[in-house]
Amino acid sequence: MLPSYLQEAVDKAKSEKSKEKNQESEEEPEMIHGKCFTNLDAYKGEFWPTIFFSVPFPGDRIESQNGKTLEVVQITHSKGVGEDSLKPSIKIELGKF
C-alpha cells in the first residue's frame, strides 16, 4: 500500500489521463470540403461527394451517389468560398480508369 500522498498523486494522474482520453474521443475528425468534376459527358449529371475524411490521391476511385465510379486524375488545393473562405478546400478532377 502506498502512502496517502503518493496515492493521491497517482489518482490525480489517472483522472487527468482519463479526461484527456474522453476529450480525444469526443472530438470529431476534421473533414475536408471539396468538389469533384469531370469533363466526361456521360457523368455530368452525377452527384459526387463533397466532404472527405482525407485528401484523395491520383488513382483513388470515387463513387457517385448513383454508384458510378471514376478515378481521381488531379487534385487542386484551394481556399473555400464565402463563409468558408479561410478553410482549405480541394478540387478533384475525375476520369475513367
C-alpha atoms as a PDB file:
ATOM      1  CA  MET A   1       0.000   0.000   0.000  1.00  0.00           C
ATOM      2  CA  LEU A   2       1.253   3.460  -0.932  1.00  0.00           C
ATOM      3  CA  PRO A   3       1.476   6.363   1.480  1.00  0.00           C
ATOM      4  CA  SER A   4      -1.565   8.626   1.183  1.00  0.00           C
ATOM      5  CA  TYR A   5       0.309  11.497  -0.506  1.00  0.00           C
ATOM      6  CA  LEU A   6       1.609   9.121  -3.228  1.00  0.00           C
ATOM      7  CA  GLN A   7      -1.796   7.503  -3.696  1.00  0.00           C
ATOM      8  CA  GLU A   8      -3.344  10.950  -4.175  1.00  0.00           C
ATOM      9  CA  ALA A   9      -0.743  11.784  -6.846  1.00  0.00           C
ATOM     10  CA  VAL A  10      -1.399   8.503  -8.673  1.00  0.00           C
ATOM     11  CA  ASP A  11      -5.168   9.013  -8.529  1.00  0.00           C
ATOM     12  CA  LYS A  12      -4.829  12.566  -9.843  1.00  0.00           C
ATOM     13  CA  ALA A  13      -2.635  11.428 -12.756  1.00  0.00           C
ATOM     14  CA  LYS A  14      -5.126   8.673 -13.655  1.00  0.00           C
ATOM     15  CA  SER A  15      -8.002  11.147 -13.519  1.00  0.00           C
ATOM     16  CA  GLU A  16      -6.218  13.616 -15.827  1.00  0.00           C
ATOM     17  CA  LYS A  17      -5.333  10.856 -18.285  1.00  0.00           C
ATOM     18  CA  SER A  18      -8.945   9.688 -18.310  1.00  0.00           C
ATOM     19  CA  LYS A  19     -10.163  13.237 -19.028  1.00  0.00           C
ATOM     20  CA  GLU A  20      -7.707  13.533 -21.939  1.00  0.00           C
ATOM     21  CA  LYS A  21      -8.950  10.263 -23.439  1.00  0.00           C
ATOM     22  CA  ASN A  22     -12.574  11.388 -23.159  1.00  0.00           C
ATOM     23  CA  GLN A  23     -11.809  14.701 -24.852  1.00  0.00           C
ATOM     24  CA  GLU A  24      -9.967  12.943 -27.698  1.00  0.00           C
ATOM     25  CA  SER A  25     -12.821  10.504 -28.277  1.00  0.00           C
ATOM     26  CA  GLU A  26     -15.440  13.285 -28.298  1.00  0.00           C
ATOM     27  CA  GLU A  27     -13.647  15.341 -30.941  1.00  0.00           C
ATOM     28  CA  GLU A  28     -14.807  14.695 -34.485  1.00  0.00           C
ATOM     29  CA  PRO A  29     -12.149  14.392 -37.163  1.00  0.00           C
ATOM     30  CA  GLU A  30     -11.645  17.486 -39.290  1.00  0.00           C
ATOM     31  CA  MET A  31     -13.477  16.960 -42.557  1.00  0.00           C
ATOM     32  CA  ILE A  32     -12.142  18.256 -45.864  1.00  0.00           C
ATOM     33  CA  HIS A  33     -14.528  20.036 -48.195  1.00  0.00           C
ATOM     34  CA  GLY A  34     -14.107  19.509 -51.898  1.00  0.00           C
ATOM     35  CA  LYS A  35     -15.736  19.494 -55.281  1.00  0.00           C
ATOM     36  CA  CYS A  36     -15.495  16.698 -57.814  1.00  0.00           C
ATOM     37  CA  PHE A  37     -15.771  17.430 -61.520  1.00  0.00           C
ATOM     38  CA  THR A  38     -15.268  15.620 -64.805  1.00  0.00           C
ATOM     39  CA  ASN A  39     -15.257  16.522 -68.493  1.00  0.00           C
ATOM     40  CA  LEU A  40     -16.879  13.192 -69.409  1.00  0.00           C
ATOM     41  CA  ASP A  41     -20.381  13.884 -70.764  1.00  0.00           C
ATOM     42  CA  ALA A  42     -21.784  10.541 -69.578  1.00  0.00           C
ATOM     43  CA  TYR A  43     -21.084  11.537 -65.938  1.00  0.00           C
ATOM     44  CA  LYS A  44     -22.197  15.202 -65.975  1.00  0.00           C
ATOM     45  CA  GLY A  45     -25.456  14.585 -64.073  1.00  0.00           C
ATOM     46  CA  GLU A  46     -23.874  12.551 -61.283  1.00  0.00           C
ATOM     47  CA  PHE A  47     -23.795  13.727 -57.664  1.00  0.00           C
ATOM     48  CA  TRP A  48     -20.306  13.311 -56.203  1.00  0.00           C
ATOM     49  CA  PRO A  49     -19.183  13.510 -52.561  1.00  0.00           C
ATOM     50  CA  THR A  50     -18.350  16.982 -51.245  1.00  0.00           C
ATOM     51  CA  ILE A  51     -16.867  16.031 -47.854  1.00  0.00           C
ATOM     52  CA  PHE A  52     -13.828  13.804 -47.400  1.00  0.00           C
ATOM     53  CA  PHE A  53     -12.004  12.259 -44.435  1.00  0.00           C
ATOM     54  CA  SER A  54      -8.656  12.765 -46.184  1.00  0.00           C
ATOM     55  CA  VAL A  55      -7.343  14.177 -49.433  1.00  0.00           C
ATOM     56  CA  PRO A  56      -7.642  11.507 -52.127  1.00  0.00           C
ATOM     57  CA  PHE A  57      -4.620  10.610 -54.240  1.00  0.00           C
ATOM     58  CA  PRO A  58      -4.481  10.358 -58.020  1.00  0.00           C
ATOM     59  CA  GLY A  59      -5.534   6.815 -58.840  1.00  0.00           C
ATOM     60  CA  ASP A  60      -8.071   6.612 -55.988  1.00  0.00           C
ATOM     61  CA  ARG A  61     -11.628   5.902 -57.072  1.00  0.00           C
ATOM     62  CA  ILE A  62     -14.640   7.956 -56.065  1.00  0.00           C
ATOM     63  CA  GLU A  63     -18.204   6.696 -56.253  1.00  0.00           C
ATOM     64  CA  SER A  64     -21.180   8.887 -57.162  1.00  0.00           C
ATOM     65  CA  GLN A  65     -24.493   8.800 -55.357  1.00  0.00           C
ATOM     66  CA  ASN A  66     -25.819   6.537 -58.146  1.00  0.00           C
ATOM     67  CA  GLY A  67     -22.934   4.077 -57.789  1.00  0.00           C
ATOM     68  CA  LYS A  68     -20.878   5.138 -60.804  1.00  0.00           C
ATOM     69  CA  THR A  69     -17.132   5.202 -60.169  1.00  0.00           C
ATOM     70  CA  LEU A  70     -14.391   7.383 -61.637  1.00  0.00           C
ATOM     71  CA  GLU A  71     -10.697   7.699 -60.857  1.00  0.00           C
ATOM     72  CA  VAL A  72      -9.013  10.763 -59.369  1.00  0.00           C
ATOM     73  CA  VAL A  73      -6.876  12.320 -62.091  1.00  0.00           C
ATOM     74  CA  GLN A  74      -5.737  15.526 -60.414  1.00  0.00           C
ATOM     75  CA  ILE A  75      -6.107  17.379 -57.091  1.00  0.00           C
ATOM     76  CA  THR A  76      -6.034  21.164 -56.762  1.00  0.00           C
ATOM     77  CA  HIS A  77      -5.758  22.681 -53.274  1.00  0.00           C
ATOM     78  CA  SER A  78      -7.658  25.953 -52.866  1.00  0.00           C
ATOM     79  CA  LYS A  79      -9.499  28.172 -50.423  1.00  0.00           C
ATOM     80  CA  GLY A  80     -13.174  27.898 -49.655  1.00  0.00           C
ATOM     81  CA  VAL A  81     -15.796  30.355 -50.856  1.00  0.00           C
ATOM     82  CA  GLY A  82     -17.953  32.805 -48.889  1.00  0.00           C
ATOM     83  CA  GLU A  83     -18.191  32.000 -45.172  1.00  0.00           C
ATOM     84  CA  ASP A  84     -15.646  29.190 -45.619  1.00  0.00           C
ATOM     85  CA  SER A  85     -13.100  31.407 -47.383  1.00  0.00           C
ATOM     86  CA  LEU A  86     -10.473  30.770 -44.694  1.00  0.00           C
ATOM     87  CA  LYS A  87     -10.920  26.990 -44.728  1.00  0.00           C
ATOM     88  CA  PRO A  88      -8.925  24.893 -47.182  1.00  0.00           C
ATOM     89  CA  SER A  89     -10.789  23.158 -49.960  1.00  0.00           C
ATOM     90  CA  ILE A  90      -9.883  20.730 -52.739  1.00  0.00           C
ATOM     91  CA  LYS A  91     -10.971  20.400 -56.360  1.00  0.00           C
ATOM     92  CA  ILE A  92     -10.906  16.825 -57.630  1.00  0.00           C
ATOM     93  CA  GLU A  93     -10.762  16.093 -61.338  1.00  0.00           C
ATOM     94  CA  LEU A  94     -12.189  12.691 -62.204  1.00  0.00           C
ATOM     95  CA  GLY A  95     -11.627  10.494 -65.254  1.00  0.00           C
ATOM     96  CA  LYS A  96     -12.057   6.936 -66.488  1.00  0.00           C
ATOM     97  CA  PHE A  97      -9.833   4.157 -65.168  1.00  0.00           C
END
